[in-house]
Amino acid sequence: MAESVVLDTVDLHILRLLQSDARTTYRELAAEVGVAPSTCLDRVARMRRTGIVLGHRLRLDPAKLGRGLEALLLVQVRPHRRELIGPFVERVRALPESRALFHLTGPDDYLVHVAVPDPAELQRLVLDEFTSRREVARVETRLIFQQWECGPLLPPVPTAHMSADCDRVR
């Protein structure tokens, strides 16, 4: 388990703002949280150095890129052995349709989030890229009707209750 880093209220405020808009300038962040821009820069640099901030990502609309059908594929791999897992993971990550890959416990070994143009392409993907592999024993497909992004991700607060602070993605 990774060691957690102690964050104060200013750090948490900075993280909330950056998760809302990673393009916010240090000057804007500093003004919002009430510190000097150099202090803000130092705090963000420390959070990068300690591994709290891993990077910045651009969020795209799959439908506007011609990939309007998204699905979750539950994949069972048999036998579930390390020498098969590595190549399987690398292949799935290399597929242009793959959006995310999760290694799971339980009856399914992997959950793969994919985005494709249409049902025919989803069928092709499942048949040609998954069930055709010797190690894949089973694939179940779940279509995604809607997706919401939740956040921001902050350390747990012992007295705080979980909130339903989610924003609809599409």
C-alpha atoms as a PDB file:
ATOM      1  CA  MET A   1       0.000   0.000   0.000  1.00  0.00           C
ATOM      2  CA  ALA A   2       1.362   3.420  -0.967  1.00  0.00           C
ATOM      3  CA  GLU A   3       2.268   5.807   1.817  1.00  0.00           C
ATOM      4  CA  SER A   4      -0.100   8.754   1.999  1.00  0.00           C
ATOM      5  CA  VAL A   5       1.168  12.325   2.092  1.00  0.00           C
ATOM      6  CA  VAL A   6      -0.130  14.896   4.557  1.00  0.00           C
ATOM      7  CA  LEU A   7      -1.987  17.705   2.813  1.00  0.00           C
ATOM      8  CA  ASP A   8      -3.263  20.897   4.397  1.00  0.00           C
ATOM      9  CA  THR A   9      -6.386  22.835   3.421  1.00  0.00           C
ATOM     10  CA  VAL A  10      -4.468  24.948   0.875  1.00  0.00           C
ATOM     11  CA  ASP A  11      -3.136  21.795  -0.840  1.00  0.00           C
ATOM     12  CA  LEU A  12      -6.639  20.293  -0.901  1.00  0.00           C
ATOM     13  CA  HIS A  13      -8.080  23.494  -2.357  1.00  0.00           C
ATOM     14  CA  ILE A  14      -5.397  23.483  -5.068  1.00  0.00           C
ATOM     15  CA  LEU A  15      -6.181  19.834  -5.889  1.00  0.00           C
ATOM     16  CA  ARG A  16      -9.926  20.557  -6.110  1.00  0.00           C
ATOM     17  CA  LEU A  17      -9.293  23.423  -8.525  1.00  0.00           C
ATOM     18  CA  LEU A  18      -6.804  21.512 -10.687  1.00  0.00           C
ATOM     19  CA  GLN A  19      -9.115  18.501 -10.943  1.00  0.00           C
ATOM     20  CA  SER A  20     -11.859  20.818 -12.105  1.00  0.00           C
ATOM     21  CA  ASP A  21      -9.607  22.498 -14.696  1.00  0.00           C
ATOM     22  CA  ALA A  22      -5.979  21.397 -15.036  1.00  0.00           C
ATOM     23  CA  ARG A  23      -5.296  24.409 -17.286  1.00  0.00           C
ATOM     24  CA  THR A  24      -5.766  26.861 -14.413  1.00  0.00           C
ATOM     25  CA  THR A  25      -2.655  29.044 -14.195  1.00  0.00           C
ATOM     26  CA  TYR A  26      -0.551  29.264 -11.044  1.00  0.00           C
ATOM     27  CA  ARG A  27      -1.512  32.926 -10.779  1.00  0.00           C
ATOM     28  CA  GLU A  28      -5.244  32.028 -10.867  1.00  0.00           C
ATOM     29  CA  LEU A  29      -4.733  29.159  -8.408  1.00  0.00           C
ATOM     30  CA  ALA A  30      -2.788  31.394  -6.036  1.00  0.00           C
ATOM     31  CA  ALA A  31      -5.460  34.097  -6.116  1.00  0.00           C
ATOM     32  CA  GLU A  32      -8.223  31.561  -5.491  1.00  0.00           C
ATOM     33  CA  VAL A  33      -6.497  29.864  -2.533  1.00  0.00           C
ATOM     34  CA  GLY A  34      -4.960  33.041  -1.072  1.00  0.00           C
ATOM     35  CA  VAL A  35      -1.229  32.383  -1.422  1.00  0.00           C
ATOM     36  CA  ALA A  36       1.583  33.851  -3.510  1.00  0.00           C
ATOM     37  CA  PRO A  37       2.038  32.369  -7.011  1.00  0.00           C
ATOM     38  CA  SER A  38       5.518  31.121  -6.027  1.00  0.00           C
ATOM     39  CA  THR A  39       4.020  29.323  -3.016  1.00  0.00           C
ATOM     40  CA  CYS A  40       1.380  27.775  -5.232  1.00  0.00           C
ATOM     41  CA  LEU A  41       4.045  26.654  -7.709  1.00  0.00           C
ATOM     42  CA  ASP A  42       6.095  25.103  -4.876  1.00  0.00           C
ATOM     43  CA  ARG A  43       3.065  23.252  -3.502  1.00  0.00           C
ATOM     44  CA  VAL A  44       2.105  21.794  -6.893  1.00  0.00           C
ATOM     45  CA  ALA A  45       5.744  20.834  -7.537  1.00  0.00           C
ATOM     46  CA  ARG A  46       5.833  19.038  -4.150  1.00  0.00           C
ATOM     47  CA  MET A  47       2.606  17.182  -4.973  1.00  0.00           C
ATOM     48  CA  ARG A  48       4.134  16.093  -8.292  1.00  0.00           C
ATOM     49  CA  ARG A  49       7.387  15.034  -6.628  1.00  0.00           C
ATOM     50  CA  THR A  50       5.564  12.962  -4.002  1.00  0.00           C
ATOM     51  CA  GLY A  51       3.404  11.293  -6.666  1.00  0.00           C
ATOM     52  CA  ILE A  52       0.059  12.803  -5.674  1.00  0.00           C
ATOM     53  CA  VAL A  53      -0.241  14.606  -9.009  1.00  0.00           C
ATOM     54  CA  LEU A  54       0.513  12.068 -11.727  1.00  0.00           C
ATOM     55  CA  GLY A  55      -0.074  14.203 -14.793  1.00  0.00           C
ATOM     56  CA  HIS A  56      -2.668  16.078 -16.795  1.00  0.00           C
ATOM     57  CA  ARG A  57      -5.100  14.601 -19.294  1.00  0.00           C
ATOM     58  CA  LEU A  58      -7.251  15.933 -22.030  1.00  0.00           C
ATOM     59  CA  ARG A  59     -10.828  14.631 -21.956  1.00  0.00           C
ATOM     60  CA  LEU A  60     -12.412  14.021 -25.354  1.00  0.00           C
ATOM     61  CA  ASP A  61     -15.952  13.244 -26.481  1.00  0.00           C
ATOM     62  CA  PRO A  62     -15.807   9.751 -28.052  1.00  0.00           C
ATOM     63  CA  ALA A  63     -19.028  10.333 -30.027  1.00  0.00           C
ATOM     64  CA  LYS A  64     -17.573  13.414 -31.737  1.00  0.00           C
ATOM     65  CA  LEU A  65     -14.572  11.303 -32.713  1.00  0.00           C
ATOM     66  CA  GLY A  66     -16.766   8.680 -34.380  1.00  0.00           C
ATOM     67  CA  ARG A  67     -16.773   6.299 -31.392  1.00  0.00           C
ATOM     68  CA  GLY A  68     -20.275   6.880 -30.052  1.00  0.00           C
ATOM     69  CA  LEU A  69     -20.875   3.364 -28.740  1.00  0.00           C
ATOM     70  CA  GLU A  70     -19.107   2.574 -25.477  1.00  0.00           C
ATOM     71  CA  ALA A  71     -19.137  -0.743 -23.673  1.00  0.00           C
ATOM     72  CA  LEU A  72     -17.634  -2.603 -20.759  1.00  0.00           C
ATOM     73  CA  LEU A  73     -16.219  -6.026 -21.535  1.00  0.00           C
ATOM     74  CA  LEU A  74     -15.951  -8.488 -18.651  1.00  0.00           C
ATOM     75  CA  VAL A  75     -13.186 -10.905 -19.631  1.00  0.00           C
ATOM     76  CA  GLN A  76     -12.280 -14.214 -18.058  1.00  0.00           C
ATOM     77  CA  VAL A  77      -8.787 -15.520 -18.802  1.00  0.00           C
ATOM     78  CA  ARG A  78      -7.955 -19.223 -18.360  1.00  0.00           C
ATOM     79  CA  PRO A  79      -5.557 -20.266 -17.156  1.00  0.00           C
ATOM     80  CA  HIS A  80      -4.963 -17.098 -15.171  1.00  0.00           C
ATOM     81  CA  ARG A  81      -1.169 -17.232 -15.172  1.00  0.00           C
ATOM     82  CA  ARG A  82       1.444 -14.485 -15.273  1.00  0.00           C
ATOM     83  CA  GLU A  83       2.950 -15.610 -18.591  1.00  0.00           C
ATOM     84  CA  LEU A  84      -0.443 -15.134 -20.279  1.00  0.00           C
ATOM     85  CA  ILE A  85      -1.460 -11.967 -18.437  1.00  0.00           C
ATOM     86  CA  GLY A  86       1.444  -9.779 -19.610  1.00  0.00           C
ATOM     87  CA  PRO A  87       0.865 -10.279 -23.350  1.00  0.00           C
ATOM     88  CA  PHE A  88      -2.920 -10.030 -22.896  1.00  0.00           C
ATOM     89  CA  VAL A  89      -2.650  -6.716 -21.036  1.00  0.00           C
ATOM     90  CA  GLU A  90      -0.214  -5.277 -23.589  1.00  0.00           C
ATOM     91  CA  ARG A  91      -2.460  -6.305 -26.500  1.00  0.00           C
ATOM     92  CA  VAL A  92      -5.587  -4.797 -24.933  1.00  0.00           C
ATOM     93  CA  ARG A  93      -3.773  -1.570 -24.060  1.00  0.00           C
ATOM     94  CA  ALA A  94      -2.558  -1.285 -27.676  1.00  0.00           C
ATOM     95  CA  LEU A  95      -6.064  -1.524 -29.157  1.00  0.00           C
ATOM     96  CA  PRO A  96      -7.275   1.885 -30.366  1.00  0.00           C
ATOM     97  CA  GLU A  97     -10.758   1.038 -29.035  1.00  0.00           C
ATOM     98  CA  SER A  98      -9.523   0.527 -25.455  1.00  0.00           C
ATOM     99  CA  ARG A  99     -10.214   3.375 -23.036  1.00  0.00           C
ATOM    100  CA  ALA A 100      -9.366   1.698 -19.706  1.00  0.00           C
ATOM    101  CA  LEU A 101      -8.368  -1.717 -18.425  1.00  0.00           C
ATOM    102  CA  PHE A 102      -8.880  -3.045 -14.906  1.00  0.00           C
ATOM    103  CA  HIS A 103      -7.547  -6.287 -13.375  1.00  0.00           C
ATOM    104  CA  LEU A 104     -10.267  -7.626 -11.062  1.00  0.00           C
ATOM    105  CA  THR A 105     -10.978 -10.147  -8.353  1.00  0.00           C
ATOM    106  CA  GLY A 106     -13.971 -12.462  -8.642  1.00  0.00           C
ATOM    107  CA  PRO A 107     -15.227 -14.536 -11.560  1.00  0.00           C
ATOM    108  CA  ASP A 108     -14.076 -12.010 -14.173  1.00  0.00           C
ATOM    109  CA  ASP A 109     -10.395 -11.225 -14.490  1.00  0.00           C
ATOM    110  CA  TYR A 110     -10.569  -7.985 -16.474  1.00  0.00           C
ATOM    111  CA  LEU A 111     -12.920  -5.122 -17.151  1.00  0.00           C
ATOM    112  CA  VAL A 112     -12.184  -3.337 -20.415  1.00  0.00           C
ATOM    113  CA  HIS A 113     -13.826  -0.019 -21.295  1.00  0.00           C
ATOM    114  CA  VAL A 114     -14.026   0.321 -25.090  1.00  0.00           C
ATOM    115  CA  ALA A 115     -15.353   2.929 -27.527  1.00  0.00           C
ATOM    116  CA  VAL A 116     -16.375   1.914 -31.061  1.00  0.00           C
ATOM    117  CA  PRO A 117     -18.358   3.460 -33.928  1.00  0.00           C
ATOM    118  CA  ASP A 118     -21.279   1.014 -33.955  1.00  0.00           C
ATOM    119  CA  PRO A 119     -22.592  -2.433 -32.897  1.00  0.00           C
ATOM    120  CA  ALA A 120     -20.970  -4.180 -35.864  1.00  0.00           C
ATOM    121  CA  GLU A 121     -17.563  -2.840 -34.838  1.00  0.00           C
ATOM    122  CA  LEU A 122     -18.182  -3.902 -31.247  1.00  0.00           C
ATOM    123  CA  GLN A 123     -18.977  -7.411 -32.462  1.00  0.00           C
ATOM    124  CA  ARG A 124     -15.820  -7.440 -34.608  1.00  0.00           C
ATOM    125  CA  LEU A 125     -13.736  -6.259 -31.671  1.00  0.00           C
ATOM    126  CA  VAL A 126     -15.094  -8.923 -29.316  1.00  0.00           C
ATOM    127  CA  LEU A 127     -14.726 -11.743 -31.859  1.00  0.00           C
ATOM    128  CA  ASP A 128     -11.419 -10.777 -33.470  1.00  0.00           C
ATOM    129  CA  GLU A 129      -9.515  -9.260 -30.551  1.00  0.00           C
ATOM    130  CA  PHE A 130     -10.856 -11.081 -27.506  1.00  0.00           C
ATOM    131  CA  THR A 131     -12.634 -14.415 -28.022  1.00  0.00           C
ATOM    132  CA  SER A 132     -10.170 -15.411 -30.741  1.00  0.00           C
ATOM    133  CA  ARG A 133      -7.355 -15.417 -28.156  1.00  0.00           C
ATOM    134  CA  ARG A 134      -6.606 -18.847 -26.668  1.00  0.00           C
ATOM    135  CA  GLU A 135      -6.396 -17.566 -23.104  1.00  0.00           C
ATOM    136  CA  VAL A 136      -9.799 -15.816 -23.214  1.00  0.00           C
ATOM    137  CA  ALA A 137     -12.404 -18.196 -21.828  1.00  0.00           C
ATOM    138  CA  ARG A 138     -15.373 -15.820 -21.780  1.00  0.00           C
ATOM    139  CA  VAL A 139     -16.394 -12.253 -22.624  1.00  0.00           C
ATOM    140  CA  GLU A 140     -19.564 -10.532 -21.435  1.00  0.00           C
ATOM    141  CA  THR A 141     -20.496  -7.195 -22.949  1.00  0.00           C
ATOM    142  CA  ARG A 142     -22.341  -4.368 -21.196  1.00  0.00           C
ATOM    143  CA  LEU A 143     -23.322  -1.271 -23.193  1.00  0.00           C
ATOM    144  CA  ILE A 144     -22.853   2.091 -21.519  1.00  0.00           C
ATOM    145  CA  PHE A 145     -25.962   4.274 -21.800  1.00  0.00           C
ATOM    146  CA  GLN A 146     -24.677   7.210 -19.745  1.00  0.00           C
ATOM    147  CA  GLN A 147     -21.529   8.069 -17.882  1.00  0.00           C
ATOM    148  CA  TRP A 148     -20.863  10.534 -15.084  1.00  0.00           C
ATOM    149  CA  GLU A 149     -17.565  11.828 -13.842  1.00  0.00           C
ATOM    150  CA  CYS A 150     -17.297  12.154 -10.083  1.00  0.00           C
ATOM    151  CA  GLY A 151     -14.837  14.118  -8.122  1.00  0.00           C
ATOM    152  CA  PRO A 152     -12.681  15.564  -6.988  1.00  0.00           C
ATOM    153  CA  LEU A 153     -10.586  12.763  -5.488  1.00  0.00           C
ATOM    154  CA  LEU A 154      -9.341  13.864  -2.084  1.00  0.00           C
ATOM    155  CA  PRO A 155      -7.997  12.016   0.969  1.00  0.00           C
ATOM    156  CA  PRO A 156     -10.660  10.560   3.263  1.00  0.00           C
ATOM    157  CA  VAL A 157     -11.835  12.746   6.105  1.00  0.00           C
ATOM    158  CA  PRO A 158     -12.804  10.617   9.131  1.00  0.00           C
ATOM    159  CA  THR A 159     -15.932  12.639   9.996  1.00  0.00           C
ATOM    160  CA  ALA A 160     -17.069  13.459   6.473  1.00  0.00           C
ATOM    161  CA  HIS A 161     -19.853  11.578   4.752  1.00  0.00           C
ATOM    162  CA  MET A 162     -19.670  10.373   1.176  1.00  0.00           C
ATOM    163  CA  SER A 163     -21.215  12.869  -1.224  1.00  0.00           C
ATOM    164  CA  ALA A 164     -22.901  12.371  -4.541  1.00  0.00           C
ATOM    165  CA  ASP A 165     -20.750  15.096  -6.104  1.00  0.00           C
ATOM    166  CA  CYS A 166     -20.907  13.831  -9.688  1.00  0.00           C
ATOM    167  CA  ASP A 167     -21.123  15.610 -13.005  1.00  0.00           C
ATOM    168  CA  ARG A 168     -22.769  13.980 -16.008  1.00  0.00           C
ATOM    169  CA  VAL A 169     -20.142  13.464 -18.736  1.00  0.00           C
ATOM    170  CA  ARG A 170     -22.586  13.311 -21.647  1.00  0.00           C
END
